[in-house]
Protein backbone atom coordinates (compact mmCIF):
# COMPACT_ATOMS: atom_id res chain seq x y z
CA UNK A 1 -59.83 -40.67 -101.18
CA UNK A 2 -56.89 -40.83 -99.19
CA UNK A 3 -54.62 -39.16 -100.39
CA UNK A 4 -50.74 -39.58 -99.95
CA UNK A 5 -48.82 -36.17 -99.14
CA UNK A 6 -45.19 -35.40 -98.74
CA UNK A 7 -44.30 -32.32 -97.08
CA UNK A 8 -41.85 -30.29 -95.34
CA UNK A 9 -42.14 -26.96 -93.37
CA UNK A 10 -44.29 -26.60 -90.54
CA UNK A 11 -48.56 -26.44 -90.23
CA UNK A 12 -49.27 -22.50 -89.81
CA UNK A 13 -47.46 -21.35 -92.91
CA UNK A 14 -47.60 -20.24 -95.84
CA UNK A 15 -48.68 -23.15 -97.91
CA UNK A 16 -46.62 -24.11 -100.66
CA UNK A 17 -48.96 -26.59 -103.14
CA UNK A 18 -46.36 -28.68 -105.15
CA UNK A 19 -48.73 -30.90 -108.35
CA UNK A 20 -47.10 -33.48 -110.16
CA UNK A 21 -47.25 -34.64 -114.00
CA UNK A 22 -47.22 -38.09 -116.12
CA UNK A 23 -45.38 -40.35 -115.28
CA UNK A 24 -44.26 -39.77 -111.60
CA UNK A 25 -45.01 -39.23 -108.55
CA UNK A 26 -45.22 -36.37 -105.28
CA UNK A 27 -41.70 -37.97 -105.05
CA UNK A 28 -40.53 -35.51 -108.08
CA UNK A 29 -40.71 -32.33 -106.02
CA UNK A 30 -38.09 -34.38 -103.78
CA UNK A 31 -35.33 -32.12 -104.97
CA UNK A 32 -36.99 -28.75 -103.83
CA UNK A 33 -38.97 -29.01 -100.86
CA UNK A 34 -36.62 -29.04 -98.17
CA UNK A 35 -35.30 -25.85 -99.62
CA UNK A 36 -38.73 -23.98 -99.72
CA UNK A 37 -40.06 -25.41 -96.55
CA UNK A 38 -36.28 -23.66 -95.05
CA UNK A 39 -37.39 -20.09 -96.01
CA UNK A 40 -40.30 -20.79 -94.05
CA UNK A 41 -43.36 -22.47 -96.12
CA UNK A 42 -45.34 -25.64 -95.32
CA UNK A 43 -44.43 -27.80 -98.60
CA UNK A 44 -47.23 -29.91 -99.95
CA UNK A 45 -46.78 -32.33 -102.41
CA UNK A 46 -49.74 -34.92 -103.47
CA UNK A 47 -49.62 -38.06 -105.47
CA UNK A 48 -52.33 -36.68 -107.00
CA UNK A 49 -55.89 -39.22 -108.19
CA UNK A 50 -54.66 -42.00 -110.50
CA UNK A 51 -51.05 -42.40 -108.65
CA UNK A 52 -49.06 -43.98 -106.53
CA UNK A 53 -50.22 -44.34 -102.47
CA UNK A 54 -53.67 -42.31 -103.23
CA UNK A 55 -56.52 -44.87 -102.78
CA UNK A 56 -59.71 -44.24 -103.72
CA UNK A 57 -59.89 -44.16 -107.19
CA UNK A 58 -60.44 -46.32 -109.72
CA UNK A 59 -58.24 -48.56 -112.05
CA UNK A 60 -60.44 -50.23 -113.99
CA UNK A 61 -60.27 -49.01 -118.29
CA UNK A 62 -63.95 -48.17 -118.56
CA UNK A 63 -64.04 -47.08 -114.70
CA UNK A 64 -66.11 -43.68 -114.54
CA UNK A 65 -63.84 -41.30 -115.97
CA UNK A 66 -66.13 -38.40 -113.92
CA UNK A 67 -63.26 -39.00 -111.24
CA UNK A 68 -60.15 -37.96 -113.21
CA UNK A 69 -62.35 -34.57 -115.11
CA UNK A 70 -60.39 -31.76 -114.38
CA UNK A 71 -62.83 -30.23 -112.25
CA UNK A 72 -62.49 -32.91 -109.98
CA UNK A 73 -58.55 -32.38 -109.73
CA UNK A 74 -59.22 -28.97 -109.03
CA UNK A 75 -62.08 -30.11 -105.86
CA UNK A 76 -59.06 -32.34 -105.49
CA UNK A 77 -56.19 -30.21 -104.59
CA UNK A 78 -58.73 -28.18 -102.65
CA UNK A 79 -59.97 -31.07 -100.55
CA UNK A 80 -56.20 -31.33 -99.77
CA UNK A 81 -55.59 -27.50 -98.29
CA UNK A 82 -58.41 -27.20 -96.31
CA UNK A 83 -57.87 -30.74 -94.95
CA UNK A 84 -54.11 -29.79 -93.97
CA UNK A 85 -55.70 -26.69 -92.24
CA UNK A 86 -55.78 -23.77 -94.31
CA UNK A 87 -57.01 -21.63 -96.49
CA UNK A 88 -55.24 -20.29 -98.40
CA UNK A 89 -52.43 -21.02 -101.26
CA UNK A 90 -49.30 -18.96 -101.57
CA UNK A 91 -48.43 -20.74 -104.89
CA UNK A 92 -49.54 -23.58 -106.69
CA UNK A 93 -46.92 -25.38 -109.03
CA UNK A 94 -47.81 -27.54 -111.39
CA UNK A 95 -45.67 -29.32 -113.45
CA UNK A 96 -46.47 -30.82 -117.02
CA UNK A 97 -50.12 -32.66 -116.47
CA UNK A 98 -49.79 -30.88 -113.08
CA UNK A 99 -49.70 -27.73 -114.70
CA UNK A 100 -52.99 -27.77 -116.71
CA UNK A 101 -54.84 -28.03 -112.61
CA UNK A 102 -52.30 -26.00 -111.51
CA UNK A 103 -53.91 -23.57 -114.07
CA UNK A 104 -57.39 -24.70 -113.39
CA UNK A 105 -56.94 -24.43 -109.43
CA UNK A 106 -56.64 -20.25 -109.81
CA UNK A 107 -58.70 -19.71 -112.57
CA UNK A 108 -62.10 -21.50 -110.40
CA UNK A 109 -60.20 -20.27 -107.43
CA UNK A 110 -58.21 -17.09 -106.82
CA UNK A 111 -59.13 -16.47 -103.53
CA UNK A 112 -57.60 -19.25 -102.61
CA UNK A 113 -54.55 -20.41 -104.68
CA UNK A 114 -53.05 -16.34 -105.01
CA UNK A 115 -50.46 -17.43 -107.83
CA UNK A 116 -48.97 -19.77 -110.01
CA UNK A 117 -45.93 -21.38 -111.65
CA UNK A 118 -46.21 -23.29 -114.50
CA UNK A 119 -43.39 -25.64 -115.55
CA UNK A 120 -42.81 -27.11 -118.76
CA UNK A 121 -46.51 -27.13 -120.23
CA UNK A 122 -48.11 -23.50 -121.13
CA UNK A 123 -51.60 -23.12 -120.42
CA UNK A 124 -54.06 -21.26 -122.79
CA UNK A 125 -56.97 -20.97 -120.86
CA UNK A 126 -60.45 -21.94 -120.76
CA UNK A 127 -61.99 -22.91 -124.05
CA UNK A 128 -64.24 -20.26 -125.53
CA UNK A 129 -68.02 -20.99 -126.60
CA UNK A 130 -69.23 -20.44 -130.06
CA UNK A 131 -69.79 -17.01 -130.15
CA UNK A 132 -72.06 -14.93 -132.40
CA UNK A 133 -73.30 -17.48 -134.25
CA UNK A 134 -76.81 -16.54 -134.28
CA UNK A 135 -77.03 -14.75 -137.49
CA UNK A 136 -73.25 -16.18 -138.49
CA UNK A 137 -73.45 -19.95 -137.85
CA UNK A 138 -69.80 -20.81 -138.08
CA UNK A 139 -68.79 -23.75 -141.16
CA UNK A 140 -68.86 -26.67 -141.06
CA UNK A 141 -65.51 -29.06 -140.12
CA UNK A 142 -63.97 -30.98 -142.33
CA UNK A 143 -65.07 -34.94 -141.61
CA UNK A 144 -61.42 -35.55 -142.05
CA UNK A 145 -58.74 -34.55 -138.63
CA UNK A 146 -55.54 -34.37 -138.38
CA UNK A 147 -55.04 -37.66 -137.00
CA UNK A 148 -56.27 -39.13 -140.63
CA UNK A 149 -52.83 -36.86 -141.93
CA UNK A 150 -50.98 -37.97 -139.39
CA UNK A 151 -52.15 -41.40 -140.60
CA UNK A 152 -51.08 -40.69 -144.39
CA UNK A 153 -47.76 -39.63 -143.70
CA UNK A 154 -45.38 -40.86 -145.52
CA UNK A 155 -43.79 -42.59 -142.80
CA UNK A 156 -47.60 -42.70 -141.01
CA UNK A 157 -47.92 -41.21 -137.11
CA UNK A 158 -49.73 -40.99 -134.27
CA UNK A 159 -50.29 -38.35 -131.19
CA UNK A 160 -48.39 -39.35 -128.36
CA UNK A 161 -52.20 -38.41 -126.83
CA UNK A 162 -54.65 -40.31 -128.49
CA UNK A 163 -52.54 -43.95 -128.41
CA UNK A 164 -52.17 -43.09 -123.96
CA UNK A 165 -56.10 -42.96 -124.66
CA UNK A 166 -56.25 -46.75 -126.13
CA UNK A 167 -56.75 -49.65 -124.10
CA UNK A 168 -53.76 -50.62 -125.28
CA UNK A 169 -51.52 -48.13 -123.78
CA UNK A 170 -51.36 -49.19 -120.28
CA UNK A 171 -50.29 -52.91 -120.26
CA UNK A 172 -47.56 -51.64 -123.00
CA UNK A 173 -45.26 -49.96 -120.62
CA UNK A 174 -46.85 -52.09 -117.61
CA UNK A 175 -45.90 -55.07 -119.43
CA UNK A 176 -42.99 -53.71 -120.93
CA UNK A 177 -40.50 -56.77 -122.66
CA UNK A 178 -37.50 -54.67 -120.85
CA UNK A 179 -39.89 -54.16 -117.10
CA UNK A 180 -41.18 -51.38 -116.05
CA UNK A 181 -37.37 -50.20 -114.41
CA UNK A 182 -35.83 -50.07 -118.01
CA UNK A 183 -38.97 -48.58 -119.28
CA UNK A 184 -38.73 -45.38 -116.84
CA UNK A 185 -35.31 -45.18 -117.47
CA UNK A 186 -35.94 -44.75 -121.10
CA UNK A 187 -38.99 -42.56 -121.15
CA UNK A 188 -37.23 -40.24 -118.50
CA UNK A 189 -33.98 -40.13 -120.55
CA UNK A 190 -35.57 -39.62 -123.75
CA UNK A 191 -37.31 -36.11 -122.64
CA UNK A 192 -34.43 -35.20 -120.41
CA UNK A 193 -31.84 -32.99 -121.58
CA UNK A 194 -28.89 -36.22 -122.50
CA UNK A 195 -30.97 -37.22 -125.46
CA UNK A 196 -29.32 -35.70 -127.88
CA UNK A 197 -32.00 -35.61 -129.91
CA UNK A 198 -33.84 -32.72 -127.80
CA UNK A 199 -33.71 -29.54 -130.04
CA UNK A 200 -36.54 -27.47 -129.69
CA UNK A 201 -38.50 -24.83 -132.27
CA UNK A 202 -41.20 -23.06 -132.48
CA UNK A 203 -43.99 -25.03 -135.02
CA UNK A 204 -45.82 -23.17 -137.79
CA UNK A 205 -49.21 -25.24 -136.95
CA UNK A 206 -51.15 -27.53 -136.03
CA UNK A 207 -51.13 -29.47 -138.86
CA UNK A 208 -49.38 -33.28 -139.39
CA UNK A 209 -46.67 -31.77 -140.95
CA UNK A 210 -45.43 -29.67 -139.03
CA UNK A 211 -45.92 -32.43 -135.53
CA UNK A 212 -44.37 -35.30 -137.89
CA UNK A 213 -40.85 -32.15 -136.65
CA UNK A 214 -41.78 -33.45 -132.84
CA UNK A 215 -39.53 -36.53 -131.69
CA UNK A 216 -40.93 -39.68 -131.79
CA UNK A 217 -42.00 -40.15 -128.15
CA UNK A 218 -44.77 -37.21 -129.04
CA UNK A 219 -45.46 -38.35 -132.34
CA UNK A 220 -44.66 -41.99 -132.22
CA UNK A 221 -44.30 -43.68 -135.50
CA UNK A 222 -48.29 -45.57 -136.22
CA UNK A 223 -46.96 -48.92 -135.51
CA UNK A 224 -45.11 -48.39 -132.22
CA UNK A 225 -45.24 -48.59 -128.31
CA UNK A 226 -44.55 -45.83 -125.63
CA UNK A 227 -42.39 -48.69 -124.39
CA UNK A 228 -41.18 -49.68 -128.04
CA UNK A 229 -40.64 -46.31 -129.14
CA UNK A 230 -38.35 -45.07 -126.20
CA UNK A 231 -36.14 -48.24 -125.74
CA UNK A 232 -35.07 -47.72 -129.79
CA UNK A 233 -33.56 -44.40 -127.58
CA UNK A 234 -32.17 -46.52 -124.39
CA UNK A 235 -29.53 -44.78 -122.65
CA UNK A 236 -26.05 -46.60 -121.74
CA UNK A 237 -24.48 -48.79 -119.05
CA UNK A 238 -21.98 -45.96 -118.74
CA UNK A 239 -25.07 -42.86 -119.62
CA UNK A 240 -27.14 -44.10 -116.41
CA UNK A 241 -23.71 -44.41 -114.14
CA UNK A 242 -23.51 -40.77 -114.88
CA UNK A 243 -26.81 -39.29 -114.92
CA UNK A 244 -26.07 -37.90 -111.40
CA UNK A 245 -30.14 -35.92 -111.32
CA UNK A 246 -31.05 -39.32 -111.35
CA UNK A 247 -29.59 -42.89 -110.44
CA UNK A 248 -30.76 -45.97 -109.43
CA UNK A 249 -31.93 -45.19 -106.43
CA UNK A 250 -33.87 -42.82 -106.50
CA UNK A 251 -35.36 -44.46 -110.08
CA UNK A 252 -36.17 -47.78 -108.17
CA UNK A 253 -38.99 -45.34 -106.28
CA UNK A 254 -40.81 -44.67 -109.36
CA UNK A 255 -40.82 -47.82 -110.88
CA UNK A 256 -41.31 -49.69 -107.44
CA UNK A 257 -44.93 -47.65 -108.12
CA UNK A 258 -45.49 -47.92 -111.59
CA UNK A 259 -44.78 -51.94 -111.54
CA UNK A 260 -47.76 -52.36 -108.29
CA UNK A 261 -50.75 -49.95 -109.41
CA UNK A 262 -49.08 -49.86 -113.25
CA UNK A 263 -50.09 -46.26 -115.32
CA UNK A 264 -54.65 -46.44 -116.12
CA UNK A 265 -54.39 -44.50 -112.99
CA UNK A 266 -52.42 -41.03 -114.92
CA UNK A 267 -53.39 -42.25 -118.20
CA UNK A 268 -57.45 -41.56 -117.16
CA UNK A 269 -56.36 -38.26 -117.56
CA UNK A 270 -55.50 -38.46 -121.26
CA UNK A 271 -58.60 -40.14 -121.65
CA UNK A 272 -60.82 -37.44 -120.14
CA UNK A 273 -58.93 -34.72 -122.77
CA UNK A 274 -59.12 -36.06 -126.11
CA UNK A 275 -62.94 -37.48 -126.06
CA UNK A 276 -64.28 -34.15 -125.14
CA UNK A 277 -66.22 -35.30 -122.26
CA UNK A 278 -66.07 -32.75 -120.00
CA UNK A 279 -65.15 -29.93 -122.63
CA UNK A 280 -68.96 -28.34 -122.38
CA UNK A 281 -68.04 -28.06 -118.26
CA UNK A 282 -64.25 -26.63 -119.24
CA UNK A 283 -66.90 -24.17 -121.62
CA UNK A 284 -68.39 -22.34 -118.18
CA UNK A 285 -65.77 -20.50 -117.66
CA UNK A 286 -64.96 -19.38 -121.07
CA UNK A 287 -63.24 -16.23 -121.68
CA UNK A 288 -61.80 -16.19 -117.84
CA UNK A 289 -58.31 -14.94 -117.27
CA UNK A 290 -55.93 -15.80 -114.54
CA UNK A 291 -55.20 -12.69 -112.84
CA UNK A 292 -52.92 -13.74 -110.29
CA UNK A 293 -49.17 -13.50 -110.50
CA UNK A 294 -47.90 -16.22 -112.16
CA UNK A 295 -44.83 -17.16 -114.30
CA UNK A 296 -43.94 -19.71 -116.55
CA UNK A 297 -40.05 -22.80 -116.40
CA UNK A 298 -39.28 -25.37 -118.51
CA UNK A 299 -36.26 -26.88 -119.58
CA UNK A 300 -34.72 -25.30 -123.46
CA UNK A 301 -34.05 -29.06 -124.00
CA UNK A 302 -37.86 -29.71 -124.05
CA UNK A 303 -40.45 -30.10 -126.45
CA UNK A 304 -42.92 -29.61 -124.36
CA UNK A 305 -43.61 -25.62 -124.65
CA UNK A 306 -43.53 -26.21 -127.78
CA UNK A 307 -45.96 -29.38 -128.38
CA UNK A 308 -49.24 -27.06 -128.47
CA UNK A 309 -48.13 -24.28 -131.77
CA UNK A 310 -48.30 -21.29 -130.00
CA UNK A 311 -49.97 -22.03 -126.78
CA UNK A 312 -46.84 -20.08 -124.72
CA UNK A 313 -47.73 -17.04 -126.95
CA UNK A 314 -51.43 -17.38 -126.00
CA UNK A 315 -50.22 -18.22 -122.55
CA UNK A 316 -48.53 -14.55 -121.73
CA UNK A 317 -50.82 -12.41 -123.85
CA UNK A 318 -53.92 -13.97 -123.41
CA UNK A 319 -54.45 -15.74 -120.23
CA UNK A 320 -52.32 -15.08 -117.76
CA UNK A 321 -53.27 -11.47 -117.51
CA UNK A 322 -50.45 -11.13 -114.65
CA UNK A 323 -47.73 -13.35 -116.05
CA UNK A 324 -43.70 -11.86 -114.38
CA UNK A 325 -41.31 -13.75 -115.80
CA UNK A 326 -40.63 -16.87 -118.76
CA UNK A 327 -37.96 -18.70 -117.80
CA UNK A 328 -36.18 -21.28 -119.81
CA UNK A 329 -33.49 -23.20 -118.01
CA UNK A 330 -30.96 -24.64 -119.91
CA UNK A 331 -29.26 -28.20 -119.15
CA UNK A 332 -32.38 -28.91 -118.35
CA UNK A 333 -35.00 -30.93 -120.37
CA UNK A 334 -38.60 -31.97 -119.88
CA UNK A 335 -37.83 -33.05 -116.14
CA UNK A 336 -37.13 -29.49 -115.27
CA UNK A 337 -37.31 -29.77 -110.81
CA UNK A 338 -34.70 -33.23 -111.66
CA UNK A 339 -32.45 -32.03 -114.11
CA UNK A 340 -31.81 -28.75 -112.32
CA UNK A 341 -33.63 -28.32 -108.92
CA UNK A 342 -30.81 -25.43 -107.35
CA UNK A 343 -32.22 -22.88 -110.47
CA UNK A 344 -35.83 -23.89 -110.22
CA UNK A 345 -35.41 -23.47 -106.16
CA UNK A 346 -34.30 -20.12 -106.37
CA UNK A 347 -36.92 -18.98 -109.21
CA UNK A 348 -39.60 -19.92 -106.94
CA UNK A 349 -38.79 -18.50 -103.95
CA UNK A 350 -38.49 -15.59 -105.71
CA UNK A 351 -42.07 -15.86 -107.14
CA UNK A 352 -42.44 -16.75 -103.67
CA UNK A 353 -41.50 -13.14 -102.30
CA UNK A 354 -42.85 -11.67 -105.78
CA UNK A 355 -46.28 -12.99 -104.55
CA UNK A 356 -45.78 -11.38 -101.79
CA UNK A 357 -44.48 -7.82 -102.28
CA UNK A 358 -47.56 -7.73 -105.07
CA UNK A 359 -50.27 -8.83 -102.98
CA UNK A 360 -48.77 -6.09 -100.20
CA UNK A 361 -49.17 -3.72 -102.80
CA UNK A 362 -52.43 -4.92 -104.24
CA UNK A 363 -53.77 -4.59 -100.26
CA UNK A 364 -52.69 -0.88 -100.15
């Protein structure tokens, strides 16, 4: 594999690794990289496996999913860090699906990744192995699933992650009638603070009735694809012209890349998650916690914090034993480092300074 990387700062300075999510690129970190570099860090942001100009991955829907499994994505990150001459990383920062990769980096190799910043997607820890079942077997699970329940609602729905795992999802977005550029404009818009429908609140449970309270870009109408779903809320020409955090010239970077590659590389990550084929591999780490200094940053208008009921609390109370701060930024939705880059940069620098002092105390 050949990884396409954006970097700022001088090699030899402490490394900060930035991991993007879906449907994004290394370019998503453009607004925070130079300020971090100017503060004395070697800042590295790759196009992750399946994305952008990184090559050496199978683009076929029916290709080998093993290359996209979480522990291989961790290996990608570790290999990149080593290739650049670093033995350690001052902070690994992940947004959206990149937050999962960042969390697993720390879970697996805390000797290398010295601190963690998660954005927009809480991490709940590795899946549990069944415990105390020799004399107390677990109850048999009913055959009905959450997807059956969603489909039976008065307004039939489906979960976006399972939709992203279907063979139709890539063509739906790549060959969208409105074009990739207009599709991405609408997608980024509806998940940002610019869309007035984003008024998130905690859900009570993982049930169809509760999940149906999520916006349609999370729990979709059963008969629609994502391109149709977001087209209903596409911004006006005036709103596009007023969008300072993602002007047309910057959006064109994304649309050019996705017009060339399609979306299947990133969608394979979802298939690895929803099919559960690598669950046993993850259970190897059952009970293990993240014990390095950790932070969480999200936008106040981001439903991603609440899409999995109880995840935020699980991260704070169980998964991360040294969570030093959780921040919710006004004026930001899901794309927090793009919508509020100054605030995110300030928090990242505070975290890096705290990591440095915490490490000195720990060594002492």
